[in-house]
Amino acid sequence: MPGILGLISNKNEEKLFDKMCQKLNHYDYQIEKFLSQEELSMFLNLSDIVINIPKTDQFSVSLMETMASHTIPIISKLKVYEDILVNEENALILNKTNKSKLSKKILYVIDNYEKLSKKIINNNNKLVLDKYNFQTQIEKIIDLYM
């Protein structure tokens, strides 16, 4: 069964995540504080599914790390992701966040893990390596400041 990592930002999300993992009789990891790079890498490498459902965000480094770590991201539908991520191609995207929809997405990933993981992991590896590698980021910084 896939390991689940929850990036928790408030007490309501924490309670929801706990209940879901108990219902699934599943082990889980919750992150409620800043982690060192080493700690984050450890958690990402232990996880198969990462849940990150903020109300607002930029296209964050943590999402790129999640995508590069061979996990399936479950994320909020945010404007910033629209040009980059496609539902069931790079992530599972929640249109509206509530416990019923999130529970169904998690169960869907668990039930279809083999099929989804091959597709999503391959797509994300290509995306991260092609668009978000060190060289492309340096070129963007040079263009921005030169």
Protein backbone atom coordinates (compact mmCIF):
# COMPACT_ATOMS: atom_id res chain seq x y z
CA MET A 1 0.00 0.00 0.00
CA PRO A 2 1.37 3.47 -0.86
CA GLY A 3 2.79 5.69 1.89
CA ILE A 4 1.04 9.04 2.28
CA LEU A 5 2.71 12.33 3.20
CA GLY A 6 0.50 15.25 4.27
CA LEU A 7 1.74 18.82 4.24
CA ILE A 8 -0.46 20.25 6.98
CA SER A 9 -1.03 23.97 7.33
CA ASN A 10 -3.80 24.17 9.93
CA LYS A 11 -5.57 22.15 12.65
CA ASN A 12 -8.66 21.40 10.50
CA GLU A 13 -6.49 19.81 7.81
CA GLU A 14 -4.59 17.87 10.47
CA LYS A 15 -7.80 16.41 11.91
CA LEU A 16 -9.06 15.54 8.43
CA PHE A 17 -5.78 13.84 7.50
CA ASP A 18 -5.74 11.83 10.76
CA LYS A 19 -9.31 10.61 10.21
CA MET A 20 -8.63 9.57 6.64
CA CYS A 21 -5.50 7.63 7.53
CA GLN A 22 -7.30 5.91 10.41
CA LYS A 23 -10.17 4.92 8.10
CA LEU A 24 -7.70 3.55 5.57
CA ASN A 25 -5.83 1.69 8.35
CA HIS A 26 -2.77 3.32 6.88
CA TYR A 27 0.51 4.75 8.08
CA ASP A 28 1.04 8.43 7.47
CA TYR A 29 3.46 11.29 7.95
CA GLN A 30 2.40 14.82 8.77
CA ILE A 31 4.57 17.88 8.42
CA GLU A 32 3.57 20.89 10.47
CA LYS A 33 6.89 22.70 10.75
CA PHE A 34 9.87 23.76 8.69
CA LEU A 35 12.08 20.81 7.78
CA SER A 36 15.71 20.71 6.89
CA GLN A 37 16.53 19.61 3.34
CA GLU A 38 17.69 16.26 4.71
CA GLU A 39 14.44 15.72 6.65
CA LEU A 40 12.27 16.69 3.68
CA SER A 41 14.21 14.37 1.37
CA MET A 42 13.77 11.51 3.84
CA PHE A 43 9.99 12.02 4.06
CA LEU A 44 9.61 12.38 0.29
CA ASN A 45 11.62 9.21 -0.32
CA LEU A 46 9.40 7.29 2.12
CA SER A 47 6.20 8.50 0.46
CA ASP A 48 4.28 7.43 -2.60
CA ILE A 49 1.54 10.06 -2.34
CA VAL A 50 1.99 13.66 -1.17
CA ILE A 51 -1.03 15.74 -0.21
CA ASN A 52 -0.50 19.49 -0.47
CA ILE A 53 -3.74 21.46 -0.47
CA PRO A 54 -3.02 25.13 0.19
CA LYS A 55 -5.55 27.87 -0.49
CA THR A 56 -2.88 30.00 -2.21
CA ASP A 57 0.61 29.24 -3.49
CA GLN A 58 3.22 30.08 -6.06
CA PHE A 59 4.72 27.26 -8.13
CA SER A 60 6.84 26.23 -5.21
CA VAL A 61 10.14 24.44 -4.87
CA SER A 62 8.47 21.96 -2.52
CA LEU A 63 6.03 20.95 -5.26
CA MET A 64 8.92 20.51 -7.71
CA GLU A 65 10.75 18.39 -5.11
CA THR A 66 7.60 16.32 -4.67
CA MET A 67 7.34 15.84 -8.42
CA ALA A 68 11.03 14.89 -8.71
CA SER A 69 10.78 12.40 -5.82
CA HIS A 70 8.68 9.82 -7.65
CA THR A 71 5.51 10.60 -5.71
CA ILE A 72 1.97 11.32 -6.81
CA PRO A 73 0.97 14.83 -5.72
CA ILE A 74 -2.61 15.53 -4.67
CA ILE A 75 -2.97 19.30 -4.85
CA SER A 76 -5.51 22.14 -4.77
CA LYS A 77 -6.73 23.62 -8.02
CA LEU A 78 -4.85 26.92 -8.11
CA LYS A 79 -4.45 29.38 -10.97
CA VAL A 80 -0.64 29.20 -10.74
CA TYR A 81 -0.69 25.47 -11.58
CA GLU A 82 -3.02 25.67 -14.61
CA ASP A 83 -0.34 26.15 -17.29
CA ILE A 84 1.96 23.52 -15.81
CA LEU A 85 -0.07 20.68 -14.30
CA VAL A 86 -2.82 18.55 -15.81
CA ASN A 87 -5.10 16.37 -13.73
CA GLU A 88 -3.98 12.72 -13.84
CA GLU A 89 -1.01 13.64 -16.04
CA ASN A 90 1.22 15.32 -13.39
CA ALA A 91 -0.93 15.32 -10.25
CA LEU A 92 -4.40 14.73 -8.95
CA ILE A 93 -6.06 18.10 -8.68
CA LEU A 94 -8.89 18.88 -6.28
CA ASN A 95 -11.36 21.42 -7.67
CA LYS A 96 -12.75 22.09 -4.20
CA THR A 97 -11.18 20.91 -0.99
CA ASN A 98 -13.46 19.04 1.35
CA LYS A 99 -12.98 15.81 3.24
CA SER A 100 -15.24 13.76 1.00
CA LYS A 101 -13.49 14.78 -2.22
CA LEU A 102 -10.03 14.43 -0.69
CA SER A 103 -10.89 10.97 0.69
CA LYS A 104 -12.15 9.88 -2.73
CA LYS A 105 -8.97 11.15 -4.44
CA ILE A 106 -6.75 9.29 -1.97
CA LEU A 107 -8.74 6.07 -2.40
CA TYR A 108 -8.66 6.51 -6.18
CA VAL A 109 -4.86 6.82 -6.12
CA ILE A 110 -4.49 3.80 -3.85
CA ASP A 111 -6.82 1.68 -6.02
CA ASN A 112 -5.11 2.77 -9.26
CA TYR A 113 -1.59 3.29 -7.96
CA GLU A 114 0.31 1.16 -10.48
CA LYS A 115 -1.30 2.76 -13.53
CA LEU A 116 -1.22 6.32 -12.18
CA SER A 117 2.30 6.13 -10.76
CA LYS A 118 3.92 5.07 -14.03
CA LYS A 119 2.26 7.85 -15.98
CA ILE A 120 2.55 10.65 -13.40
CA ILE A 121 6.11 9.82 -12.31
CA ASN A 122 7.36 9.64 -15.91
CA ASN A 123 5.63 12.91 -16.84
CA ASN A 124 6.95 14.68 -13.76
CA ASN A 125 10.51 13.46 -14.23
CA LYS A 126 10.49 14.81 -17.76
CA LEU A 127 8.88 18.12 -16.73
CA VAL A 128 11.28 18.74 -13.85
CA LEU A 129 14.38 17.72 -15.82
CA ASP A 130 13.40 19.71 -18.92
CA LYS A 131 11.93 22.89 -17.44
CA TYR A 132 13.19 23.19 -13.88
CA ASN A 133 16.78 22.01 -14.03
CA PHE A 134 19.66 24.08 -12.72
CA GLN A 135 20.62 25.43 -16.17
CA THR A 136 17.13 26.64 -17.09
CA GLN A 137 16.73 28.32 -13.71
CA ILE A 138 20.07 30.11 -14.02
CA GLU A 139 19.08 31.33 -17.50
CA LYS A 140 15.80 32.71 -16.10
CA ILE A 141 17.69 34.55 -13.34
CA ILE A 142 20.16 36.01 -15.86
CA ASP A 143 17.28 37.14 -18.12
CA LEU A 144 15.49 38.68 -15.18
CA TYR A 145 18.45 40.66 -13.83
CA MET A 146 20.50 41.47 -16.93
